[in-house]
N, C-alpha and C. Protein backbone atom coordinates (compact mmCIF):
# COMPACT_ATOMS: atom_id res chain seq x y z
N MET A 1 -241.45 10.00 66.12
CA MET A 1 -241.16 8.59 66.61
C MET A 1 -239.51 8.50 66.22
N LYS A 2 -238.97 9.41 65.36
CA LYS A 2 -237.50 9.50 65.01
C LYS A 2 -236.60 9.77 66.46
N PHE A 3 -237.30 11.03 66.88
CA PHE A 3 -236.83 11.57 68.17
C PHE A 3 -236.76 10.44 69.33
N ALA A 4 -237.81 9.78 69.54
CA ALA A 4 -238.00 8.93 70.53
C ALA A 4 -237.04 7.52 70.43
N LEU A 5 -236.75 7.29 69.02
CA LEU A 5 -235.53 6.17 68.95
C LEU A 5 -234.44 6.95 69.07
N ASP A 6 -233.90 8.19 68.63
CA ASP A 6 -232.77 8.60 69.03
C ASP A 6 -232.48 8.80 70.42
N PHE A 7 -233.53 9.05 71.44
CA PHE A 7 -233.49 9.40 72.63
C PHE A 7 -233.43 8.21 73.57
N LEU A 8 -233.76 7.06 72.97
CA LEU A 8 -233.91 5.82 73.69
C LEU A 8 -232.36 4.90 73.17
N SER A 9 -231.91 5.33 72.26
CA SER A 9 -230.55 4.64 71.74
C SER A 9 -229.46 4.97 72.83
N ALA A 10 -228.71 3.86 72.99
CA ALA A 10 -227.44 3.66 73.83
C ALA A 10 -226.30 3.80 73.16
N ARG A 11 -225.36 4.56 73.55
CA ARG A 11 -224.09 4.35 72.84
C ARG A 11 -222.66 3.91 73.63
N TYR A 12 -221.97 3.03 73.34
CA TYR A 12 -221.03 2.50 74.22
C TYR A 12 -219.55 2.83 73.34
N ILE A 13 -218.73 3.33 73.94
CA ILE A 13 -217.59 3.45 73.20
C ILE A 13 -216.29 2.86 74.11
N LEU A 14 -215.89 1.79 73.67
CA LEU A 14 -214.72 1.02 74.51
C LEU A 14 -213.44 1.37 73.99
N ARG A 15 -212.50 1.39 74.61
CA ARG A 15 -211.00 1.40 73.98
C ARG A 15 -210.25 0.53 74.75
N ARG A 16 -209.59 -0.34 74.09
CA ARG A 16 -208.40 -1.25 74.38
C ARG A 16 -207.12 -0.55 74.35
N ASN A 17 -206.39 -0.33 75.27
CA ASN A 17 -205.04 0.15 75.09
C ASN A 17 -203.88 -0.97 75.04
N PHE A 18 -203.18 -0.93 74.07
CA PHE A 18 -202.03 -1.71 74.08
C PHE A 18 -200.68 -0.92 73.62
N GLY A 19 -199.98 -0.46 74.96
CA GLY A 19 -198.97 0.63 74.28
C GLY A 19 -199.60 1.84 74.01
N ASP A 20 -199.06 2.26 72.66
CA ASP A 20 -199.31 3.29 72.20
C ASP A 20 -200.85 3.21 71.17
N GLN A 21 -200.94 1.83 70.95
CA GLN A 21 -201.96 1.66 69.88
C GLN A 21 -203.56 1.55 70.55
N ARG A 22 -204.49 2.06 69.78
CA ARG A 22 -205.84 1.73 70.41
C ARG A 22 -206.75 1.26 69.29
N MET A 23 -207.69 0.11 69.90
CA MET A 23 -208.66 -0.10 69.10
C MET A 23 -210.08 0.74 69.65
N LYS A 24 -210.96 1.07 68.66
CA LYS A 24 -212.04 1.68 69.13
C LYS A 24 -213.22 1.20 68.58
N PHE A 25 -214.13 0.79 69.45
CA PHE A 25 -215.48 0.14 69.30
C PHE A 25 -216.64 1.33 69.54
N THR A 26 -217.56 1.44 68.68
CA THR A 26 -218.79 2.19 69.03
C THR A 26 -219.76 1.49 68.70
N LEU A 27 -220.62 1.03 69.53
CA LEU A 27 -221.86 0.13 69.54
C LEU A 27 -223.15 0.83 69.78
N ASN A 28 -224.03 1.02 68.82
CA ASN A 28 -225.19 1.72 69.22
C ASN A 28 -226.67 0.77 69.04
N HIS A 29 -227.55 0.96 69.83
CA HIS A 29 -228.75 0.13 69.55
C HIS A 29 -229.89 1.04 69.89
N ALA A 30 -230.88 0.76 69.42
CA ALA A 30 -232.34 1.33 69.49
C ALA A 30 -233.42 0.29 69.21
N PRO A 31 -234.49 0.50 70.10
CA PRO A 31 -235.62 -0.45 69.81
C PRO A 31 -236.14 -0.07 68.36
N ALA A 32 -236.63 -1.02 67.83
CA ALA A 32 -237.33 -1.01 66.40
C ALA A 32 -238.82 -1.55 66.59
N PHE A 33 -239.49 -1.30 65.45
CA PHE A 33 -240.82 -1.78 65.44
C PHE A 33 -241.01 -3.35 65.91
N MET A 34 -239.88 -4.05 65.37
CA MET A 34 -239.41 -5.43 65.53
C MET A 34 -238.07 -5.68 65.83
N GLY A 35 -237.85 -6.13 66.98
CA GLY A 35 -236.22 -6.25 67.07
C GLY A 35 -235.61 -4.93 67.65
N ASN A 36 -234.34 -4.83 67.30
CA ASN A 36 -233.55 -3.90 67.81
C ASN A 36 -232.78 -3.28 66.31
N ASP A 37 -232.54 -1.96 66.21
CA ASP A 37 -231.69 -1.48 65.20
C ASP A 37 -230.13 -1.15 65.77
N ILE A 38 -229.44 -1.78 65.26
CA ILE A 38 -227.93 -2.03 65.80
C ILE A 38 -227.02 -1.55 64.76
N SER A 39 -226.07 -0.64 65.26
CA SER A 39 -224.83 -0.07 64.26
C SER A 39 -223.78 -0.37 65.29
N VAL A 40 -222.64 -1.04 64.25
CA VAL A 40 -221.32 -1.26 64.89
C VAL A 40 -220.08 -0.56 63.84
N HIS A 41 -219.27 0.08 64.72
CA HIS A 41 -218.16 0.97 64.15
C HIS A 41 -217.06 0.47 65.00
N VAL A 42 -215.98 0.16 64.22
CA VAL A 42 -214.70 -0.36 64.68
C VAL A 42 -213.57 0.60 63.97
N GLU A 43 -212.39 0.92 64.68
CA GLU A 43 -211.29 1.64 64.30
C GLU A 43 -210.17 0.68 64.78
N ALA A 44 -209.39 0.22 63.63
CA ALA A 44 -208.03 -0.40 63.89
C ALA A 44 -207.12 0.35 64.71
N ASP A 45 -206.42 -0.53 65.38
CA ASP A 45 -205.31 -0.12 66.19
C ASP A 45 -204.25 0.77 65.27
N GLU A 46 -203.64 1.60 65.73
CA GLU A 46 -202.50 2.46 64.83
C GLU A 46 -201.45 1.52 64.19
N GLY A 47 -201.55 1.86 62.92
CA GLY A 47 -200.67 0.90 62.17
C GLY A 47 -201.16 -0.49 61.69
N ASN A 48 -202.21 -0.88 62.15
CA ASN A 48 -202.87 -2.08 61.80
C ASN A 48 -204.35 -1.83 61.02
N THR A 49 -204.55 -2.82 60.55
CA THR A 49 -205.78 -2.97 59.68
C THR A 49 -206.93 -4.05 60.20
N ILE A 50 -207.97 -3.96 59.99
CA ILE A 50 -209.06 -5.02 60.22
C ILE A 50 -209.44 -5.89 59.14
N GLN A 51 -209.30 -7.15 59.56
CA GLN A 51 -209.48 -8.28 58.55
C GLN A 51 -210.73 -9.10 58.76
N HIS A 52 -211.07 -9.33 59.88
CA HIS A 52 -212.40 -10.29 60.02
C HIS A 52 -212.94 -9.69 61.14
N VAL A 53 -214.44 -9.61 61.22
CA VAL A 53 -215.46 -9.17 62.06
C VAL A 53 -216.54 -9.99 62.31
N VAL A 54 -216.56 -10.48 63.52
CA VAL A 54 -218.00 -11.16 64.00
C VAL A 54 -218.68 -10.51 64.67
N THR A 55 -219.92 -10.61 64.36
CA THR A 55 -220.96 -9.76 65.36
C THR A 55 -222.26 -10.77 65.84
N GLU A 56 -222.44 -10.86 67.19
CA GLU A 56 -223.35 -11.81 67.68
C GLU A 56 -224.18 -10.99 68.42
N LEU A 57 -225.45 -11.37 68.40
CA LEU A 57 -226.51 -10.90 69.30
C LEU A 57 -227.17 -12.10 69.93
N ASP A 58 -227.37 -12.22 71.15
CA ASP A 58 -227.79 -13.06 72.17
C ASP A 58 -227.33 -14.45 71.55
N GLY A 59 -226.06 -14.61 71.17
CA GLY A 59 -225.46 -15.91 71.00
C GLY A 59 -225.60 -16.39 69.37
N LEU A 60 -226.47 -15.60 68.68
CA LEU A 60 -226.56 -15.90 67.31
C LEU A 60 -225.63 -15.05 66.54
N VAL A 61 -225.00 -15.60 65.28
CA VAL A 61 -224.07 -14.76 64.40
C VAL A 61 -225.07 -13.89 63.84
N LEU A 62 -225.06 -12.64 63.80
CA LEU A 62 -225.58 -11.66 62.89
C LEU A 62 -224.86 -11.43 61.45
N ALA A 63 -223.48 -11.40 61.81
CA ALA A 63 -222.57 -11.43 60.56
C ALA A 63 -221.08 -12.11 60.89
N ASP A 64 -220.67 -12.54 59.89
CA ASP A 64 -219.24 -12.83 60.03
C ASP A 64 -218.55 -12.62 58.78
N ASP A 65 -217.89 -11.52 58.77
CA ASP A 65 -217.17 -10.62 57.83
C ASP A 65 -215.77 -10.94 57.70
N LEU A 66 -215.28 -11.65 56.60
CA LEU A 66 -213.97 -11.80 56.37
C LEU A 66 -213.80 -10.75 55.29
N LEU A 67 -213.09 -9.79 55.29
CA LEU A 67 -212.90 -8.61 54.66
C LEU A 67 -211.87 -9.00 53.32
N SER A 68 -212.32 -8.84 52.25
CA SER A 68 -211.45 -9.22 51.03
C SER A 68 -210.18 -8.11 50.97
N THR A 69 -210.47 -7.01 51.43
CA THR A 69 -209.23 -5.82 51.24
C THR A 69 -209.51 -5.42 52.87
N PRO A 70 -208.42 -5.64 53.71
CA PRO A 70 -208.15 -5.13 54.99
C PRO A 70 -208.43 -3.57 55.02
N THR A 71 -209.16 -3.12 56.17
CA THR A 71 -209.76 -1.73 56.07
C THR A 71 -208.91 -1.09 57.59
N ASP A 72 -209.00 0.25 57.77
CA ASP A 72 -208.77 0.89 58.80
C ASP A 72 -209.92 1.00 59.77
N SER A 73 -211.10 1.04 59.19
CA SER A 73 -212.40 0.89 59.84
C SER A 73 -213.49 0.14 59.23
N TYR A 74 -214.28 -0.09 60.03
CA TYR A 74 -215.32 -1.04 59.82
C TYR A 74 -216.85 -0.67 60.21
N ASP A 75 -217.75 -0.24 59.40
CA ASP A 75 -219.16 -0.03 59.79
C ASP A 75 -220.14 -1.06 59.33
N ARG A 76 -220.97 -1.43 60.13
CA ARG A 76 -222.39 -2.27 59.57
C ARG A 76 -223.44 -1.92 60.44
N VAL A 77 -224.68 -1.93 59.66
CA VAL A 77 -226.00 -1.76 60.31
C VAL A 77 -226.81 -2.80 60.31
N PHE A 78 -227.44 -3.30 61.29
CA PHE A 78 -228.30 -4.18 61.38
C PHE A 78 -229.65 -3.73 61.89
N SER A 79 -230.64 -3.72 60.83
CA SER A 79 -232.19 -3.44 61.09
C SER A 79 -232.95 -4.35 61.63
N ARG A 80 -233.78 -4.28 62.47
CA ARG A 80 -234.64 -5.09 63.23
C ARG A 80 -234.11 -6.32 63.58
N ALA A 81 -232.98 -6.32 64.17
CA ALA A 81 -232.30 -7.69 64.63
C ALA A 81 -232.86 -8.26 66.02
N GLY A 82 -232.84 -9.52 65.90
CA GLY A 82 -233.18 -10.11 67.12
C GLY A 82 -234.69 -9.83 67.68
N HIS A 83 -235.18 -10.08 68.68
CA HIS A 83 -236.33 -9.96 69.25
C HIS A 83 -236.32 -8.72 70.51
N ALA A 84 -237.26 -8.19 70.51
CA ALA A 84 -237.61 -7.01 71.51
C ALA A 84 -238.67 -7.12 72.34
N SER A 85 -238.73 -7.12 73.46
CA SER A 85 -239.83 -7.09 74.21
C SER A 85 -239.49 -6.48 75.67
N PRO A 86 -240.41 -5.96 76.39
CA PRO A 86 -240.06 -5.20 77.69
C PRO A 86 -239.53 -6.23 78.40
N GLY A 87 -238.38 -5.87 79.05
CA GLY A 87 -237.55 -6.82 80.16
C GLY A 87 -236.54 -7.76 79.55
N ILE A 88 -236.73 -8.05 78.43
CA ILE A 88 -235.71 -9.05 77.86
C ILE A 88 -234.16 -8.33 77.86
N GLU A 89 -233.27 -8.94 78.42
CA GLU A 89 -231.86 -8.77 78.39
C GLU A 89 -231.41 -9.25 77.03
N HIS A 90 -230.42 -8.53 76.33
CA HIS A 90 -229.87 -8.47 75.29
C HIS A 90 -228.18 -8.55 75.30
N THR A 91 -227.21 -9.50 74.80
CA THR A 91 -225.94 -9.16 74.60
C THR A 91 -225.48 -9.10 73.46
N LEU A 92 -224.92 -8.08 73.19
CA LEU A 92 -223.99 -7.82 71.73
C LEU A 92 -222.46 -7.92 71.86
N LEU A 93 -222.00 -8.79 71.12
CA LEU A 93 -220.55 -9.10 70.99
C LEU A 93 -219.94 -8.81 69.80
N VAL A 94 -218.84 -8.02 69.49
CA VAL A 94 -218.32 -7.94 68.35
C VAL A 94 -216.75 -8.18 68.65
N SER A 95 -216.34 -9.11 67.78
CA SER A 95 -214.94 -9.75 67.69
C SER A 95 -214.41 -9.21 66.46
N VAL A 96 -212.96 -8.74 66.73
CA VAL A 96 -212.42 -8.04 65.49
C VAL A 96 -210.93 -8.75 65.51
N GLU A 97 -210.53 -9.39 64.21
CA GLU A 97 -209.12 -9.68 64.12
C GLU A 97 -208.52 -8.86 63.18
N GLN A 98 -207.32 -8.39 63.68
CA GLN A 98 -206.35 -7.43 62.82
C GLN A 98 -205.46 -8.35 62.07
N ASP A 99 -204.58 -7.48 61.17
CA ASP A 99 -203.70 -8.27 60.57
C ASP A 99 -202.32 -8.53 61.12
N ASP A 100 -202.29 -8.33 62.46
CA ASP A 100 -201.31 -8.85 63.50
C ASP A 100 -201.80 -10.10 64.11
N SER A 101 -202.77 -10.48 63.72
CA SER A 101 -203.34 -11.72 64.29
C SER A 101 -204.25 -11.58 65.78
N LYS A 102 -203.95 -10.35 66.26
CA LYS A 102 -204.42 -10.18 67.52
C LYS A 102 -206.11 -10.08 67.26
N THR A 103 -206.84 -10.50 68.30
CA THR A 103 -208.35 -10.51 68.41
C THR A 103 -208.65 -9.77 69.40
N HIS A 104 -209.57 -8.53 69.21
CA HIS A 104 -210.15 -7.82 70.18
C HIS A 104 -211.66 -7.68 70.40
N SER A 105 -212.21 -7.61 71.54
CA SER A 105 -213.69 -7.52 71.41
C SER A 105 -214.24 -6.58 72.24
N ALA A 106 -215.54 -6.33 71.95
CA ALA A 106 -216.28 -5.46 73.00
C ALA A 106 -217.87 -6.20 72.99
N THR A 107 -218.18 -5.96 74.18
CA THR A 107 -219.73 -6.51 74.51
C THR A 107 -220.43 -5.11 75.16
N SER A 108 -221.83 -5.54 74.64
CA SER A 108 -222.90 -4.40 75.13
C SER A 108 -224.03 -5.16 75.54
N ILE A 109 -224.48 -4.90 76.82
CA ILE A 109 -225.50 -5.55 77.42
C ILE A 109 -226.72 -4.65 77.87
N TRP A 110 -227.99 -4.81 77.43
CA TRP A 110 -229.07 -3.99 77.62
C TRP A 110 -230.29 -4.56 77.88
N ILE A 111 -231.40 -4.00 78.73
CA ILE A 111 -232.45 -4.68 78.97
C ILE A 111 -233.54 -3.72 78.22
N ASP A 112 -234.38 -4.35 76.93
CA ASP A 112 -235.42 -3.56 76.56
C ASP A 112 -236.37 -2.91 77.66
């Protein structure tokens, strides 16, 4: 079963270019027994740090993380998030605020 989940997982790497700076998002999802297993990884633009991350699945907030200590990268895993059923479309939205007050976001859309 582990192989099947790995095989079905999708990976999205999105980069936003702002001059020489880059923010990198890696969003992974795989069907779970109930819902979806989702992992979020974000790397800050060069010279900046991550202060606030909001993760939404299908319009519902999974996490609203205001970090007490700004970091260069952020990782979070959500097990069995949302509902899964064949043919259902999902939208994962991750919004990140850096120490320079700029907000960046990435979206992943898939169908079960």
